[in-house]
Amino acid sequence: MWDMFLNSARLFMRGKLFREPGMVARQWLLGVMVSAVLTVLLVRLLGWGPVPAATLVGLLVGAWQPVLFKDLKYN
């Protein structure tokens, strides 16, 4: 199991894990931006504390990850 993790990490760092690394970066950035905006909206506009806002946003965006990454192809 550890060897599989290390192999995947090496391939990722060399840019050879995914067929389209640009798509991975774009989808990852989209998830980060949506989570940041949602967190700021909950904290600033609705007056939530940072911990409940981060918890809810983490759950929502975490559930959204399979949708974001469904079309990724591995090498």
PDB file of N, CA and C in Angstrom:
ATOM      1  N   MET A   1       0.816  -1.178   0.000  1.00  0.00           N
ATOM      2  CA  MET A   1       0.000   0.000   0.000  1.00  0.00           C
ATOM      3  C   MET A   1       0.868   1.252   0.000  1.00  0.00           C
ATOM      4  N   TRP A   2       1.898   1.255   0.833  1.00  0.00           N
ATOM      5  CA  TRP A   2       2.794   2.401   0.905  1.00  0.00           C
ATOM      6  C   TRP A   2       3.518   2.604  -0.425  1.00  0.00           C
ATOM      7  N   ASP A   3       3.927   1.499  -1.072  1.00  0.00           N
ATOM      8  CA  ASP A   3       4.605   1.598  -2.366  1.00  0.00           C
ATOM      9  C   ASP A   3       3.691   2.198  -3.428  1.00  0.00           C
ATOM     10  N   MET A   4       2.425   1.831  -3.407  1.00  0.00           N
ATOM     11  CA  MET A   4       1.474   2.392  -4.363  1.00  0.00           C
ATOM     12  C   MET A   4       1.333   3.898  -4.144  1.00  0.00           C
ATOM     13  N   PHE A   5       1.256   4.325  -2.887  1.00  0.00           N
ATOM     14  CA  PHE A   5       1.171   5.746  -2.577  1.00  0.00           C
ATOM     15  C   PHE A   5       2.403   6.490  -3.075  1.00  0.00           C
ATOM     16  N   LEU A   6       3.583   5.956  -2.787  1.00  0.00           N
ATOM     17  CA  LEU A   6       4.820   6.606  -3.212  1.00  0.00           C
ATOM     18  C   LEU A   6       4.925   6.674  -4.739  1.00  0.00           C
ATOM     19  N   ASN A   7       4.534   5.604  -5.418  1.00  0.00           N
ATOM     20  CA  ASN A   7       4.562   5.601  -6.877  1.00  0.00           C
ATOM     21  C   ASN A   7       3.612   6.655  -7.442  1.00  0.00           C
ATOM     22  N   SER A   8       2.404   6.740  -6.898  1.00  0.00           N
ATOM     23  CA  SER A   8       1.441   7.742  -7.355  1.00  0.00           C
ATOM     24  C   SER A   8       1.945   9.149  -7.080  1.00  0.00           C
ATOM     25  N   ALA A   9       2.549   9.353  -5.920  1.00  0.00           N
ATOM     26  CA  ALA A   9       3.081  10.674  -5.582  1.00  0.00           C
ATOM     27  C   ALA A   9       4.216  11.056  -6.535  1.00  0.00           C
ATOM     28  N   ARG A  10       5.092  10.118  -6.859  1.00  0.00           N
ATOM     29  CA  ARG A  10       6.177  10.405  -7.805  1.00  0.00           C
ATOM     30  C   ARG A  10       5.634  10.761  -9.180  1.00  0.00           C
ATOM     31  N   LEU A  11       4.663   9.985  -9.655  1.00  0.00           N
ATOM     32  CA  LEU A  11       4.064  10.278 -10.959  1.00  0.00           C
ATOM     33  C   LEU A  11       3.373  11.635 -10.955  1.00  0.00           C
ATOM     34  N   PHE A  12       2.684  11.957  -9.871  1.00  0.00           N
ATOM     35  CA  PHE A  12       2.013  13.250  -9.771  1.00  0.00           C
ATOM     36  C   PHE A  12       3.013  14.389  -9.815  1.00  0.00           C
ATOM     37  N   MET A  13       4.105  14.255  -9.069  1.00  0.00           N
ATOM     38  CA  MET A  13       5.114  15.323  -9.026  1.00  0.00           C
ATOM     39  C   MET A  13       5.804  15.501 -10.374  1.00  0.00           C
ATOM     40  N   ARG A  14       5.930  14.445 -11.145  1.00  0.00           N
ATOM     41  CA  ARG A  14       6.531  14.556 -12.476  1.00  0.00           C
ATOM     42  C   ARG A  14       5.527  14.994 -13.528  1.00  0.00           C
ATOM     43  N   GLY A  15       4.252  15.078 -13.156  1.00  0.00           N
ATOM     44  CA  GLY A  15       3.217  15.472 -14.102  1.00  0.00           C
ATOM     45  C   GLY A  15       2.792  14.355 -15.029  1.00  0.00           C
ATOM     46  N   LYS A  16       2.980  13.103 -14.603  1.00  0.00           N
ATOM     47  CA  LYS A  16       2.666  11.964 -15.464  1.00  0.00           C
ATOM     48  C   LYS A  16       1.538  11.093 -14.917  1.00  0.00           C
ATOM     49  N   LEU A  17       0.848  11.534 -13.873  1.00  0.00           N
ATOM     50  CA  LEU A  17      -0.227  10.733 -13.300  1.00  0.00           C
ATOM     51  C   LEU A  17      -1.515  10.892 -14.095  1.00  0.00           C
ATOM     52  N   PHE A  18      -1.791  12.112 -14.530  1.00  0.00           N
ATOM     53  CA  PHE A  18      -3.024  12.397 -15.265  1.00  0.00           C
ATOM     54  C   PHE A  18      -2.706  12.688 -16.722  1.00  0.00           C
ATOM     55  N   ARG A  19      -3.639  12.375 -17.613  1.00  0.00           N
ATOM     56  CA  ARG A  19      -3.444  12.666 -19.033  1.00  0.00           C
ATOM     57  C   ARG A  19      -3.476  14.163 -19.298  1.00  0.00           C
ATOM     58  N   GLU A  20      -4.331  14.876 -18.582  1.00  0.00           N
ATOM     59  CA  GLU A  20      -4.464  16.317 -18.772  1.00  0.00           C
ATOM     60  C   GLU A  20      -4.210  17.034 -17.446  1.00  0.00           C
ATOM     61  N   PRO A  21      -2.957  17.326 -17.120  1.00  0.00           N
ATOM     62  CA  PRO A  21      -2.664  17.992 -15.846  1.00  0.00           C
ATOM     63  C   PRO A  21      -3.300  19.376 -15.748  1.00  0.00           C
ATOM     64  N   GLY A  22      -3.494  20.037 -16.883  1.00  0.00           N
ATOM     65  CA  GLY A  22      -4.135  21.346 -16.863  1.00  0.00           C
ATOM     66  C   GLY A  22      -5.578  21.264 -16.394  1.00  0.00           C
ATOM     67  N   MET A  23      -6.270  20.220 -16.790  1.00  0.00           N
ATOM     68  CA  MET A  23      -7.658  20.029 -16.351  1.00  0.00           C
ATOM     69  C   MET A  23      -7.714  19.757 -14.853  1.00  0.00           C
ATOM     70  N   VAL A  24      -6.763  18.993 -14.350  1.00  0.00           N
ATOM     71  CA  VAL A  24      -6.701  18.721 -12.912  1.00  0.00           C
ATOM     72  C   VAL A  24      -6.510  20.028 -12.152  1.00  0.00           C
ATOM     73  N   ALA A  25      -5.568  20.847 -12.613  1.00  0.00           N
ATOM     74  CA  ALA A  25      -5.306  22.121 -11.951  1.00  0.00           C
ATOM     75  C   ALA A  25      -6.525  23.034 -12.020  1.00  0.00           C
ATOM     76  N   ARG A  26      -7.182  23.074 -13.165  1.00  0.00           N
ATOM     77  CA  ARG A  26      -8.361  23.933 -13.339  1.00  0.00           C
ATOM     78  C   ARG A  26      -9.500  23.495 -12.405  1.00  0.00           C
ATOM     79  N   GLN A  27      -9.765  22.202 -12.333  1.00  0.00           N
ATOM     80  CA  GLN A  27     -10.842  21.702 -11.479  1.00  0.00           C
ATOM     81  C   GLN A  27     -10.500  21.900  -9.998  1.00  0.00           C
ATOM     82  N   TRP A  28      -9.240  21.688  -9.653  1.00  0.00           N
ATOM     83  CA  TRP A  28      -8.808  21.897  -8.278  1.00  0.00           C
ATOM     84  C   TRP A  28      -8.961  23.363  -7.890  1.00  0.00           C
ATOM     85  N   LEU A  29      -8.532  24.262  -8.789  1.00  0.00           N
ATOM     86  CA  LEU A  29      -8.648  25.695  -8.517  1.00  0.00           C
ATOM     87  C   LEU A  29     -10.105  26.117  -8.408  1.00  0.00           C
ATOM     88  N   LEU A  30     -10.966  25.551  -9.230  1.00  0.00           N
ATOM     89  CA  LEU A  30     -12.390  25.851  -9.149  1.00  0.00           C
ATOM     90  C   LEU A  30     -12.941  25.460  -7.781  1.00  0.00           C
ATOM     91  N   GLY A  31     -12.595  24.293  -7.298  1.00  0.00           N
ATOM     92  CA  GLY A  31     -13.034  23.856  -5.974  1.00  0.00           C
ATOM     93  C   GLY A  31     -12.518  24.751  -4.863  1.00  0.00           C
ATOM     94  N   VAL A  32     -11.257  25.159  -4.960  1.00  0.00           N
ATOM     95  CA  VAL A  32     -10.668  26.047  -3.949  1.00  0.00           C
ATOM     96  C   VAL A  32     -11.367  27.399  -3.952  1.00  0.00           C
ATOM     97  N   MET A  33     -11.606  27.947  -5.137  1.00  0.00           N
ATOM     98  CA  MET A  33     -12.239  29.265  -5.235  1.00  0.00           C
ATOM     99  C   MET A  33     -13.678  29.231  -4.718  1.00  0.00           C
ATOM    100  N   VAL A  34     -14.432  28.207  -5.083  1.00  0.00           N
ATOM    101  CA  VAL A  34     -15.814  28.104  -4.609  1.00  0.00           C
ATOM    102  C   VAL A  34     -15.848  27.965  -3.092  1.00  0.00           C
ATOM    103  N   SER A  35     -14.960  27.159  -2.538  1.00  0.00           N
ATOM    104  CA  SER A  35     -14.949  26.994  -1.083  1.00  0.00           C
ATOM    105  C   SER A  35     -14.542  28.285  -0.381  1.00  0.00           C
ATOM    106  N   ALA A  36     -13.591  29.024  -0.936  1.00  0.00           N
ATOM    107  CA  ALA A  36     -13.182  30.292  -0.331  1.00  0.00           C
ATOM    108  C   ALA A  36     -14.324  31.304  -0.367  1.00  0.00           C
ATOM    109  N   VAL A  37     -14.994  31.399  -1.502  1.00  0.00           N
ATOM    110  CA  VAL A  37     -16.103  32.353  -1.626  1.00  0.00           C
ATOM    111  C   VAL A  37     -17.240  31.986  -0.675  1.00  0.00           C
ATOM    112  N   LEU A  38     -17.592  30.712  -0.632  1.00  0.00           N
ATOM    113  CA  LEU A  38     -18.664  30.290   0.270  1.00  0.00           C
ATOM    114  C   LEU A  38     -18.310  30.544   1.733  1.00  0.00           C
ATOM    115  N   THR A  39     -17.080  30.286   2.099  1.00  0.00           N
ATOM    116  CA  THR A  39     -16.657  30.526   3.479  1.00  0.00           C
ATOM    117  C   THR A  39     -16.751  32.002   3.825  1.00  0.00           C
ATOM    118  N   VAL A  40     -16.250  32.849   2.943  1.00  0.00           N
ATOM    119  CA  VAL A  40     -16.304  34.298   3.186  1.00  0.00           C
ATOM    120  C   VAL A  40     -17.752  34.771   3.259  1.00  0.00           C
ATOM    121  N   LEU A  41     -18.605  34.274   2.375  1.00  0.00           N
ATOM    122  CA  LEU A  41     -20.012  34.674   2.401  1.00  0.00           C
ATOM    123  C   LEU A  41     -20.685  34.280   3.716  1.00  0.00           C
ATOM    124  N   LEU A  42     -20.448  33.064   4.158  1.00  0.00           N
ATOM    125  CA  LEU A  42     -21.063  32.625   5.409  1.00  0.00           C
ATOM    126  C   LEU A  42     -20.551  33.413   6.607  1.00  0.00           C
ATOM    127  N   VAL A  43     -19.260  33.704   6.623  1.00  0.00           N
ATOM    128  CA  VAL A  43     -18.682  34.403   7.771  1.00  0.00           C
ATOM    129  C   VAL A  43     -19.048  35.887   7.745  1.00  0.00           C
ATOM    130  N   ARG A  44     -18.883  36.535   6.597  1.00  0.00           N
ATOM    131  CA  ARG A  44     -19.101  37.984   6.527  1.00  0.00           C
ATOM    132  C   ARG A  44     -20.568  38.372   6.413  1.00  0.00           C
ATOM    133  N   LEU A  45     -21.289  37.731   5.520  1.00  0.00           N
ATOM    134  CA  LEU A  45     -22.662  38.161   5.256  1.00  0.00           C
ATOM    135  C   LEU A  45     -23.670  37.577   6.243  1.00  0.00           C
ATOM    136  N   LEU A  46     -23.482  36.343   6.647  1.00  0.00           N
ATOM    137  CA  LEU A  46     -24.443  35.721   7.545  1.00  0.00           C
ATOM    138  C   LEU A  46     -24.004  35.741   9.001  1.00  0.00           C
ATOM    139  N   GLY A  47     -22.759  36.166   9.242  1.00  0.00           N
ATOM    140  CA  GLY A  47     -22.283  36.294  10.610  1.00  0.00           C
ATOM    141  C   GLY A  47     -21.956  34.986  11.307  1.00  0.00           C
ATOM    142  N   TRP A  48     -21.727  33.930  10.541  1.00  0.00           N
ATOM    143  CA  TRP A  48     -21.359  32.650  11.136  1.00  0.00           C
ATOM    144  C   TRP A  48     -19.945  32.739  11.689  1.00  0.00           C
ATOM    145  N   GLY A  49     -19.629  31.902  12.618  1.00  0.00           N
ATOM    146  CA  GLY A  49     -18.254  31.778  13.084  1.00  0.00           C
ATOM    147  C   GLY A  49     -17.435  31.039  12.040  1.00  0.00           C
ATOM    148  N   PRO A  50     -16.115  31.205  12.073  1.00  0.00           N
ATOM    149  CA  PRO A  50     -15.287  30.556  11.057  1.00  0.00           C
ATOM    150  C   PRO A  50     -15.299  29.030  11.132  1.00  0.00           C
ATOM    151  N   VAL A  51     -15.431  28.466  12.309  1.00  0.00           N
ATOM    152  CA  VAL A  51     -15.400  27.006  12.426  1.00  0.00           C
ATOM    153  C   VAL A  51     -16.668  26.366  11.845  1.00  0.00           C
ATOM    154  N   PRO A  52     -17.870  26.840  12.199  1.00  0.00           N
ATOM    155  CA  PRO A  52     -19.054  26.246  11.568  1.00  0.00           C
ATOM    156  C   PRO A  52     -19.104  26.481  10.059  1.00  0.00           C
ATOM    157  N   ALA A  53     -18.670  27.665   9.625  1.00  0.00           N
ATOM    158  CA  ALA A  53     -18.674  27.951   8.189  1.00  0.00           C
ATOM    159  C   ALA A  53     -17.709  27.030   7.458  1.00  0.00           C
ATOM    160  N   ALA A  54     -16.513  26.862   7.990  1.00  0.00           N
ATOM    161  CA  ALA A  54     -15.526  25.991   7.344  1.00  0.00           C
ATOM    162  C   ALA A  54     -15.987  24.538   7.350  1.00  0.00           C
ATOM    163  N   THR A  55     -16.656  24.121   8.413  1.00  0.00           N
ATOM    164  CA  THR A  55     -17.160  22.752   8.488  1.00  0.00           C
ATOM    165  C   THR A  55     -18.217  22.500   7.425  1.00  0.00           C
ATOM    166  N   LEU A  56     -19.185  23.401   7.318  1.00  0.00           N
ATOM    167  CA  LEU A  56     -20.246  23.232   6.326  1.00  0.00           C
ATOM    168  C   LEU A  56     -19.697  23.303   4.910  1.00  0.00           C
ATOM    169  N   VAL A  57     -18.849  24.281   4.652  1.00  0.00           N
ATOM    170  CA  VAL A  57     -18.281  24.418   3.310  1.00  0.00           C
ATOM    171  C   VAL A  57     -17.408  23.214   2.976  1.00  0.00           C
ATOM    172  N   GLY A  58     -16.660  22.724   3.936  1.00  0.00           N
ATOM    173  CA  GLY A  58     -15.838  21.534   3.706  1.00  0.00           C
ATOM    174  C   GLY A  58     -16.681  20.329   3.334  1.00  0.00           C
ATOM    175  N   LEU A  59     -17.793  20.162   4.007  1.00  0.00           N
ATOM    176  CA  LEU A  59     -18.693  19.053   3.675  1.00  0.00           C
ATOM    177  C   LEU A  59     -19.303  19.227   2.288  1.00  0.00           C
ATOM    178  N   LEU A  60     -19.759  20.433   1.986  1.00  0.00           N
ATOM    179  CA  LEU A  60     -20.389  20.676   0.685  1.00  0.00           C
ATOM    180  C   LEU A  60     -19.408  20.523  -0.471  1.00  0.00           C
ATOM    181  N   VAL A  61     -18.266  21.163  -0.359  1.00  0.00           N
ATOM    182  CA  VAL A  61     -17.296  21.117  -1.453  1.00  0.00           C
ATOM    183  C   VAL A  61     -16.651  19.729  -1.527  1.00  0.00           C
ATOM    184  N   GLY A  62     -16.477  19.073  -0.397  1.00  0.00           N
ATOM    185  CA  GLY A  62     -15.971  17.703  -0.410  1.00  0.00           C
ATOM    186  C   GLY A  62     -16.921  16.750  -1.110  1.00  0.00           C
ATOM    187  N   ALA A  63     -18.216  16.963  -0.926  1.00  0.00           N
ATOM    188  CA  ALA A  63     -19.203  16.141  -1.622  1.00  0.00           C
ATOM    189  C   ALA A  63     -19.237  16.459  -3.113  1.00  0.00           C
ATOM    190  N   TRP A  64     -18.804  17.645  -3.478  1.00  0.00           N
ATOM    191  CA  TRP A  64     -18.800  18.094  -4.873  1.00  0.00           C
ATOM    192  C   TRP A  64     -17.569  17.582  -5.634  1.00  0.00           C
ATOM    193  N   GLN A  65     -16.532  17.161  -4.930  1.00  0.00           N
ATOM    194  CA  GLN A  65     -15.290  16.723  -5.566  1.00  0.00           C
ATOM    195  C   GLN A  65     -15.479  15.585  -6.571  1.00  0.00           C
ATOM    196  N   PRO A  66     -16.264  14.554  -6.272  1.00  0.00           N
ATOM    197  CA  PRO A  66     -16.441  13.502  -7.288  1.00  0.00           C
ATOM    198  C   PRO A  66     -17.061  14.023  -8.582  1.00  0.00           C
ATOM    199  N   VAL A  67     -17.920  15.015  -8.473  1.00  0.00           N
ATOM    200  CA  VAL A  67     -18.517  15.611  -9.673  1.00  0.00           C
ATOM    201  C   VAL A  67     -17.456  16.387 -10.448  1.00  0.00           C
ATOM    202  N   LEU A  68     -16.625  17.130  -9.722  1.00  0.00           N
ATOM    203  CA  LEU A  68     -15.567  17.910 -10.368  1.00  0.00           C
ATOM    204  C   LEU A  68     -14.564  17.021 -11.097  1.00  0.00           C
ATOM    205  N   PHE A  69     -14.212  15.904 -10.475  1.00  0.00           N
ATOM    206  CA  PHE A  69     -13.128  15.081 -11.002  1.00  0.00           C
ATOM    207  C   PHE A  69     -13.609  13.832 -11.744  1.00  0.00           C
ATOM    208  N   LYS A  70     -14.873  13.767 -12.113  1.00  0.00           N
ATOM    209  CA  LYS A  70     -15.405  12.554 -12.747  1.00  0.00           C
ATOM    210  C   LYS A  70     -14.819  12.296 -14.127  1.00  0.00           C
ATOM    211  N   ASP A  71     -14.391  13.319 -14.834  1.00  0.00           N
ATOM    212  CA  ASP A  71     -13.899  13.142 -16.193  1.00  0.00           C
ATOM    213  C   ASP A  71     -12.374  13.061 -16.303  1.00  0.00           C
ATOM    214  N   LEU A  72     -11.672  12.986 -15.166  1.00  0.00           N
ATOM    215  CA  LEU A  72     -10.219  12.910 -15.215  1.00  0.00           C
ATOM    216  C   LEU A  72      -9.772  11.535 -15.710  1.00  0.00           C
ATOM    217  N   LYS A  73      -8.753  11.540 -16.529  1.00  0.00           N
ATOM    218  CA  LYS A  73      -8.188  10.295 -17.040  1.00  0.00           C
ATOM    219  C   LYS A  73      -6.772  10.134 -16.508  1.00  0.00           C
ATOM    220  N   TYR A  74      -6.468   8.923 -16.068  1.00  0.00           N
ATOM    221  CA  TYR A  74      -5.134   8.608 -15.574  1.00  0.00           C
ATOM    222  C   TYR A  74      -4.305   7.997 -16.691  1.00  0.00           C
ATOM    223  N   ASN A  75      -2.994   8.145 -16.575  1.00  0.00           N
ATOM    224  CA  ASN A  75      -2.081   7.473 -17.528  1.00  0.00           C
ATOM    225  C   ASN A  75      -1.871   6.043 -17.137  1.00  0.00           C
TER     226      ASN A  75
END
